[in-house]
Amino acid sequence: MTARARETLPLRPPTPSHIADVSWASLSPTIRPRPVVFPVLIDGPPDGVHHHDPYVREFWVAAIGAAAVTDLLRLAAAARRGAGILRPVNLALLVSEEIVVWENSALHVPSPLPRLGAVQRARLRRGRHRRLLT
């Protein structure tokens, strides 16, 4: 008696016709290729905080969100190494909050980081993170 493997059929089910068209994929920000940026460290404010200070994780995360702070820390690490990284998804937020700056076609990351400004503190007072300021 010989053992035979049965024929293997495709293990995937057929693709439904309504999702076979992926023309939207080129417009999706998660699929679109991101350019590489090369951040540069600049001198930050004298009363600033180090990138790995608990202040950053507590207050900046409450002010701009965990994903933006993660991108900020990745930018700072790449600037210290002198390496390039893929353009962060939250870069527009970091620029609008004036944490990082585009200047002379270079991305400048301050070291040390600035403390929360008046606008960010006012936003925290209005928001759900009021207990951090007491």
N, C-alpha and C. Protein backbone atom coordinates (compact mmCIF):
# COMPACT_ATOMS: atom_id res chain seq x y z
N MET A 1 0.83 -1.16 0.00
CA MET A 1 0.00 0.00 0.00
C MET A 1 0.89 1.24 0.00
N THR A 2 0.65 2.14 -0.87
CA THR A 2 1.42 3.36 -0.97
C THR A 2 0.60 4.55 -0.50
N ALA A 3 1.29 5.42 0.22
CA ALA A 3 0.62 6.63 0.69
C ALA A 3 0.82 7.72 -0.36
N ARG A 4 -0.23 8.35 -0.71
CA ARG A 4 -0.17 9.44 -1.67
C ARG A 4 -0.73 10.70 -1.04
N ALA A 5 -0.04 11.78 -1.28
CA ALA A 5 -0.58 13.07 -0.82
C ALA A 5 -1.67 13.49 -1.79
N ARG A 6 -2.75 13.92 -1.23
CA ARG A 6 -3.79 14.38 -2.14
C ARG A 6 -3.35 15.69 -2.77
N GLU A 7 -3.90 15.97 -3.89
CA GLU A 7 -3.51 17.18 -4.61
C GLU A 7 -3.86 18.40 -3.78
N THR A 8 -2.92 19.33 -3.76
CA THR A 8 -3.18 20.55 -2.99
C THR A 8 -3.95 21.53 -3.85
N LEU A 9 -5.03 21.96 -3.34
CA LEU A 9 -5.83 22.98 -4.01
C LEU A 9 -5.40 24.34 -3.48
N PRO A 10 -5.70 25.38 -4.20
CA PRO A 10 -5.36 26.70 -3.65
C PRO A 10 -6.02 26.89 -2.29
N LEU A 11 -5.22 27.29 -1.33
CA LEU A 11 -5.74 27.43 0.02
C LEU A 11 -6.49 28.73 0.23
N ARG A 12 -6.31 29.66 -0.67
CA ARG A 12 -7.00 30.93 -0.55
C ARG A 12 -8.35 30.88 -1.25
N PRO A 13 -9.33 31.49 -0.65
CA PRO A 13 -10.61 31.57 -1.35
C PRO A 13 -10.50 32.56 -2.50
N PRO A 14 -11.37 32.46 -3.48
CA PRO A 14 -11.30 33.41 -4.59
C PRO A 14 -11.57 34.83 -4.10
N THR A 15 -10.97 35.80 -4.75
CA THR A 15 -11.15 37.20 -4.39
C THR A 15 -12.50 37.69 -4.88
N PRO A 16 -13.31 38.27 -4.00
CA PRO A 16 -14.59 38.81 -4.46
C PRO A 16 -14.37 39.95 -5.45
N SER A 17 -15.27 40.07 -6.39
CA SER A 17 -15.09 41.06 -7.45
C SER A 17 -15.16 42.50 -6.94
N HIS A 18 -15.85 42.75 -5.84
CA HIS A 18 -15.99 44.13 -5.38
C HIS A 18 -14.73 44.67 -4.71
N ILE A 19 -13.77 43.80 -4.36
CA ILE A 19 -12.52 44.30 -3.79
C ILE A 19 -11.33 44.00 -4.68
N ALA A 20 -11.56 43.47 -5.85
CA ALA A 20 -10.45 43.14 -6.74
C ALA A 20 -9.80 44.40 -7.30
N ASP A 21 -10.55 45.47 -7.45
CA ASP A 21 -10.01 46.72 -7.96
C ASP A 21 -9.36 47.48 -6.81
N VAL A 22 -8.06 47.71 -6.89
CA VAL A 22 -7.35 48.41 -5.82
C VAL A 22 -6.83 49.76 -6.31
N SER A 23 -7.63 50.43 -7.13
CA SER A 23 -7.18 51.72 -7.64
C SER A 23 -7.04 52.76 -6.53
N TRP A 24 -7.71 52.58 -5.40
CA TRP A 24 -7.60 53.51 -4.28
C TRP A 24 -6.27 53.36 -3.56
N ALA A 25 -5.56 52.23 -3.79
CA ALA A 25 -4.33 51.96 -3.04
C ALA A 25 -3.27 53.02 -3.28
N SER A 26 -3.19 53.57 -4.47
CA SER A 26 -2.15 54.56 -4.72
C SER A 26 -2.43 55.88 -4.00
N LEU A 27 -3.67 56.08 -3.56
CA LEU A 27 -4.03 57.30 -2.85
C LEU A 27 -3.93 57.17 -1.34
N SER A 28 -3.82 55.95 -0.85
CA SER A 28 -3.81 55.72 0.58
C SER A 28 -2.48 56.18 1.18
N PRO A 29 -2.51 56.96 2.28
CA PRO A 29 -1.25 57.43 2.87
C PRO A 29 -0.42 56.31 3.49
N THR A 30 -1.03 55.17 3.79
CA THR A 30 -0.25 54.09 4.37
C THR A 30 0.42 53.24 3.31
N ILE A 31 -0.02 53.36 2.08
CA ILE A 31 0.58 52.58 1.00
C ILE A 31 1.52 53.44 0.17
N ARG A 32 1.25 54.71 0.07
CA ARG A 32 2.07 55.61 -0.72
C ARG A 32 3.49 55.62 -0.16
N PRO A 33 4.50 55.49 -0.99
CA PRO A 33 5.88 55.52 -0.47
C PRO A 33 6.21 56.89 0.11
N ARG A 34 6.86 56.88 1.27
CA ARG A 34 7.23 58.14 1.93
C ARG A 34 8.68 58.46 1.62
N PRO A 35 8.99 59.73 1.42
CA PRO A 35 10.39 60.10 1.16
C PRO A 35 11.22 59.99 2.44
N VAL A 36 12.52 59.91 2.26
CA VAL A 36 13.45 59.86 3.39
C VAL A 36 13.83 61.29 3.76
N VAL A 37 13.80 61.59 5.06
CA VAL A 37 14.24 62.91 5.55
C VAL A 37 15.48 62.71 6.41
N PHE A 38 16.33 63.70 6.40
CA PHE A 38 17.56 63.67 7.19
C PHE A 38 17.50 64.80 8.22
N PRO A 39 17.01 64.53 9.43
CA PRO A 39 16.90 65.58 10.44
C PRO A 39 18.27 66.00 10.98
N VAL A 40 18.32 67.23 11.46
CA VAL A 40 19.54 67.81 12.01
C VAL A 40 19.22 68.35 13.39
N LEU A 41 20.08 68.06 14.38
CA LEU A 41 19.89 68.60 15.73
C LEU A 41 20.33 70.06 15.78
N ILE A 42 19.54 70.88 16.44
CA ILE A 42 19.91 72.28 16.69
C ILE A 42 19.79 72.53 18.18
N ASP A 43 20.38 73.62 18.63
CA ASP A 43 20.27 73.97 20.05
C ASP A 43 18.85 74.40 20.36
N GLY A 44 18.29 73.78 21.39
CA GLY A 44 16.94 74.12 21.83
C GLY A 44 16.96 75.20 22.88
N PRO A 45 15.82 75.46 23.48
CA PRO A 45 15.77 76.50 24.52
C PRO A 45 16.58 76.09 25.75
N PRO A 46 17.17 77.06 26.44
CA PRO A 46 18.00 76.72 27.60
C PRO A 46 17.21 76.08 28.74
N ASP A 47 15.92 76.35 28.84
CA ASP A 47 15.11 75.75 29.90
C ASP A 47 14.36 74.51 29.39
N GLY A 48 14.82 73.93 28.30
CA GLY A 48 14.13 72.78 27.70
C GLY A 48 14.34 71.49 28.48
N VAL A 49 13.74 70.43 27.98
CA VAL A 49 13.83 69.12 28.62
C VAL A 49 14.46 68.13 27.66
N HIS A 50 15.18 67.17 28.21
CA HIS A 50 15.82 66.13 27.40
C HIS A 50 14.75 65.27 26.74
N HIS A 51 15.08 64.67 25.62
CA HIS A 51 14.10 63.88 24.86
C HIS A 51 13.51 62.72 25.66
N HIS A 52 14.29 62.16 26.56
CA HIS A 52 13.80 61.00 27.31
C HIS A 52 13.36 61.35 28.73
N ASP A 53 13.14 62.62 28.98
CA ASP A 53 12.66 63.07 30.27
C ASP A 53 11.19 62.66 30.44
N PRO A 54 10.78 62.28 31.64
CA PRO A 54 9.36 61.93 31.86
C PRO A 54 8.40 63.06 31.49
N TYR A 55 8.85 64.31 31.54
CA TYR A 55 8.03 65.45 31.14
C TYR A 55 7.51 65.28 29.71
N VAL A 56 8.38 64.81 28.82
CA VAL A 56 7.99 64.63 27.41
C VAL A 56 6.88 63.60 27.30
N ARG A 57 7.06 62.48 27.97
CA ARG A 57 6.06 61.42 27.86
C ARG A 57 4.75 61.80 28.54
N GLU A 58 4.81 62.60 29.56
CA GLU A 58 3.59 62.95 30.27
C GLU A 58 2.87 64.13 29.63
N PHE A 59 3.57 65.23 29.41
CA PHE A 59 2.90 66.44 28.94
C PHE A 59 2.79 66.53 27.42
N TRP A 60 3.88 66.23 26.69
CA TRP A 60 3.78 66.31 25.24
C TRP A 60 2.84 65.26 24.68
N VAL A 61 2.82 64.07 25.27
CA VAL A 61 1.87 63.04 24.82
C VAL A 61 0.45 63.52 25.05
N ALA A 62 0.20 64.16 26.19
CA ALA A 62 -1.15 64.68 26.46
C ALA A 62 -1.50 65.82 25.50
N ALA A 63 -0.52 66.59 25.08
CA ALA A 63 -0.79 67.75 24.24
C ALA A 63 -0.95 67.39 22.77
N ILE A 64 -0.09 66.51 22.23
CA ILE A 64 -0.13 66.24 20.79
C ILE A 64 -0.39 64.78 20.44
N GLY A 65 -0.33 63.89 21.41
CA GLY A 65 -0.62 62.49 21.13
C GLY A 65 0.62 61.62 21.12
N ALA A 66 0.42 60.35 21.41
CA ALA A 66 1.53 59.41 21.53
C ALA A 66 2.23 59.16 20.20
N ALA A 67 1.47 59.08 19.12
CA ALA A 67 2.08 58.81 17.81
C ALA A 67 2.99 59.95 17.39
N ALA A 68 2.58 61.19 17.63
CA ALA A 68 3.41 62.34 17.26
C ALA A 68 4.68 62.39 18.11
N VAL A 69 4.57 62.06 19.39
CA VAL A 69 5.75 62.06 20.25
C VAL A 69 6.70 60.94 19.82
N THR A 70 6.16 59.80 19.42
CA THR A 70 7.00 58.71 18.92
C THR A 70 7.76 59.16 17.68
N ASP A 71 7.08 59.84 16.77
CA ASP A 71 7.75 60.36 15.58
C ASP A 71 8.82 61.38 15.95
N LEU A 72 8.53 62.21 16.94
CA LEU A 72 9.51 63.21 17.39
C LEU A 72 10.75 62.53 17.95
N LEU A 73 10.57 61.51 18.76
CA LEU A 73 11.71 60.80 19.33
C LEU A 73 12.51 60.05 18.27
N ARG A 74 11.82 59.52 17.26
CA ARG A 74 12.51 58.86 16.14
C ARG A 74 13.34 59.88 15.35
N LEU A 75 12.77 61.07 15.13
CA LEU A 75 13.51 62.12 14.44
C LEU A 75 14.76 62.53 15.22
N ALA A 76 14.62 62.66 16.53
CA ALA A 76 15.76 63.05 17.36
C ALA A 76 16.85 61.98 17.35
N ALA A 77 16.45 60.72 17.41
CA ALA A 77 17.43 59.62 17.37
C ALA A 77 18.15 59.58 16.02
N ALA A 78 17.41 59.79 14.94
CA ALA A 78 18.03 59.79 13.61
C ALA A 78 18.98 60.98 13.47
N ALA A 79 18.62 62.12 14.03
CA ALA A 79 19.49 63.30 13.95
C ALA A 79 20.78 63.07 14.73
N ARG A 80 20.67 62.41 15.89
CA ARG A 80 21.89 62.11 16.66
C ARG A 80 22.80 61.16 15.90
N ARG A 81 22.21 60.18 15.19
CA ARG A 81 23.00 59.22 14.43
C ARG A 81 23.48 59.78 13.10
N GLY A 82 22.84 60.84 12.64
CA GLY A 82 23.16 61.39 11.32
C GLY A 82 22.60 60.53 10.21
N ALA A 83 21.51 59.85 10.49
CA ALA A 83 20.89 58.94 9.52
C ALA A 83 19.58 59.51 9.02
N GLY A 84 19.09 58.97 7.95
CA GLY A 84 17.80 59.36 7.42
C GLY A 84 16.73 58.37 7.85
N ILE A 85 15.50 58.84 7.93
CA ILE A 85 14.36 57.97 8.23
C ILE A 85 13.23 58.33 7.28
N LEU A 86 12.28 57.43 7.17
CA LEU A 86 11.11 57.73 6.36
C LEU A 86 10.38 58.92 6.97
N ARG A 87 9.84 59.77 6.12
CA ARG A 87 9.14 60.97 6.58
C ARG A 87 8.03 60.57 7.54
N PRO A 88 8.06 61.07 8.79
CA PRO A 88 7.05 60.69 9.77
C PRO A 88 5.64 61.07 9.33
N VAL A 89 4.70 60.25 9.68
CA VAL A 89 3.30 60.49 9.33
C VAL A 89 2.80 61.76 10.02
N ASN A 90 3.25 62.01 11.23
CA ASN A 90 2.78 63.17 12.02
C ASN A 90 3.69 64.39 11.89
N LEU A 91 4.47 64.47 10.82
CA LEU A 91 5.40 65.59 10.68
C LEU A 91 4.67 66.92 10.56
N ALA A 92 3.55 66.95 9.89
CA ALA A 92 2.79 68.20 9.76
C ALA A 92 2.34 68.72 11.12
N LEU A 93 1.93 67.81 12.00
CA LEU A 93 1.53 68.22 13.35
C LEU A 93 2.72 68.77 14.13
N LEU A 94 3.87 68.10 14.02
CA LEU A 94 5.06 68.56 14.73
C LEU A 94 5.50 69.94 14.24
N VAL A 95 5.38 70.19 12.95
CA VAL A 95 5.75 71.50 12.40
C VAL A 95 4.73 72.55 12.83
N SER A 96 3.44 72.21 12.80
CA SER A 96 2.42 73.20 13.18
C SER A 96 2.50 73.56 14.67
N GLU A 97 2.93 72.62 15.50
CA GLU A 97 3.11 72.90 16.94
C GLU A 97 4.46 73.57 17.21
N GLU A 98 5.24 73.78 16.16
CA GLU A 98 6.55 74.43 16.23
C GLU A 98 7.53 73.69 17.12
N ILE A 99 7.45 72.37 17.09
CA ILE A 99 8.42 71.55 17.81
C ILE A 99 9.63 71.30 16.91
N VAL A 100 9.38 70.94 15.66
CA VAL A 100 10.44 70.82 14.66
C VAL A 100 10.21 71.91 13.61
N VAL A 101 11.27 72.26 12.90
CA VAL A 101 11.21 73.40 11.97
C VAL A 101 11.85 73.00 10.64
N TRP A 102 11.17 73.32 9.53
CA TRP A 102 11.78 73.23 8.20
C TRP A 102 12.48 74.55 7.95
N GLU A 103 13.77 74.50 7.71
CA GLU A 103 14.52 75.72 7.45
C GLU A 103 15.62 75.41 6.45
N ASN A 104 15.66 76.19 5.37
CA ASN A 104 16.66 75.98 4.31
C ASN A 104 16.64 74.53 3.81
N SER A 105 15.45 74.03 3.57
CA SER A 105 15.20 72.66 3.08
C SER A 105 15.83 71.59 3.97
N ALA A 106 15.94 71.87 5.26
CA ALA A 106 16.42 70.88 6.22
C ALA A 106 15.44 70.84 7.39
N LEU A 107 15.32 69.67 7.98
CA LEU A 107 14.42 69.49 9.11
C LEU A 107 15.23 69.60 10.40
N HIS A 108 14.94 70.63 11.20
CA HIS A 108 15.68 70.88 12.43
C HIS A 108 14.89 70.38 13.63
N VAL A 109 15.57 69.58 14.46
CA VAL A 109 14.97 69.05 15.69
C VAL A 109 15.74 69.65 16.86
N PRO A 110 15.06 70.34 17.78
CA PRO A 110 15.78 70.97 18.89
C PRO A 110 16.20 69.95 19.95
N SER A 111 17.35 70.22 20.53
CA SER A 111 17.81 69.42 21.66
C SER A 111 18.39 70.39 22.67
N PRO A 112 17.81 70.58 23.81
CA PRO A 112 16.64 69.90 24.39
C PRO A 112 15.33 70.43 23.80
N LEU A 113 14.27 69.68 24.07
CA LEU A 113 12.94 70.04 23.56
C LEU A 113 12.36 71.19 24.37
N PRO A 114 11.55 72.01 23.73
CA PRO A 114 10.90 73.09 24.49
C PRO A 114 9.82 72.54 25.42
N ARG A 115 9.54 73.28 26.46
CA ARG A 115 8.42 72.92 27.33
C ARG A 115 7.13 73.33 26.63
N LEU A 116 6.01 72.90 27.16
CA LEU A 116 4.73 73.26 26.57
C LEU A 116 4.57 74.76 26.52
N GLY A 117 4.04 75.26 25.41
CA GLY A 117 3.77 76.68 25.27
C GLY A 117 2.41 77.03 25.86
N ALA A 118 2.06 78.30 25.80
CA ALA A 118 0.79 78.76 26.36
C ALA A 118 -0.40 78.13 25.65
N VAL A 119 -0.29 77.96 24.34
CA VAL A 119 -1.40 77.37 23.58
C VAL A 119 -1.62 75.91 23.99
N GLN A 120 -0.54 75.16 24.12
CA GLN A 120 -0.67 73.75 24.50
C GLN A 120 -1.20 73.62 25.93
N ARG A 121 -0.72 74.50 26.85
CA ARG A 121 -1.22 74.43 28.23
C ARG A 121 -2.70 74.77 28.29
N ALA A 122 -3.13 75.76 27.51
CA ALA A 122 -4.56 76.12 27.49
C ALA A 122 -5.40 74.97 26.94
N ARG A 123 -4.87 74.29 25.92
CA ARG A 123 -5.58 73.15 25.36
C ARG A 123 -5.70 72.02 26.38
N LEU A 124 -4.67 71.81 27.17
CA LEU A 124 -4.72 70.78 28.21
C LEU A 124 -5.72 71.14 29.30
N ARG A 125 -5.79 72.42 29.65
CA ARG A 125 -6.75 72.84 30.69
C ARG A 125 -8.18 72.61 30.24
N ARG A 126 -8.44 72.80 28.95
CA ARG A 126 -9.79 72.58 28.42
C ARG A 126 -10.07 71.10 28.22
N GLY A 127 -9.04 70.32 28.01
CA GLY A 127 -9.22 68.92 27.63
C GLY A 127 -9.34 67.98 28.81
N ARG A 128 -9.24 66.72 28.51
CA ARG A 128 -9.42 65.68 29.52
C ARG A 128 -8.17 65.46 30.37
N HIS A 129 -7.08 66.17 30.08
CA HIS A 129 -5.83 65.98 30.81
C HIS A 129 -5.62 67.05 31.87
N ARG A 130 -6.70 67.62 32.39
CA ARG A 130 -6.59 68.70 33.38
C ARG A 130 -5.81 68.29 34.62
N ARG A 131 -5.93 67.05 35.01
CA ARG A 131 -5.29 66.60 36.24
C ARG A 131 -3.76 66.69 36.16
N LEU A 132 -3.17 66.70 34.97
CA LEU A 132 -1.73 66.81 34.83
C LEU A 132 -1.21 68.17 35.27
N LEU A 133 -2.03 69.18 35.14
CA LEU A 133 -1.58 70.53 35.45
C LEU A 133 -1.80 70.93 36.91
N THR A 134 -2.45 70.10 37.69
CA THR A 134 -2.70 70.45 39.08
C THR A 134 -1.56 70.03 39.99
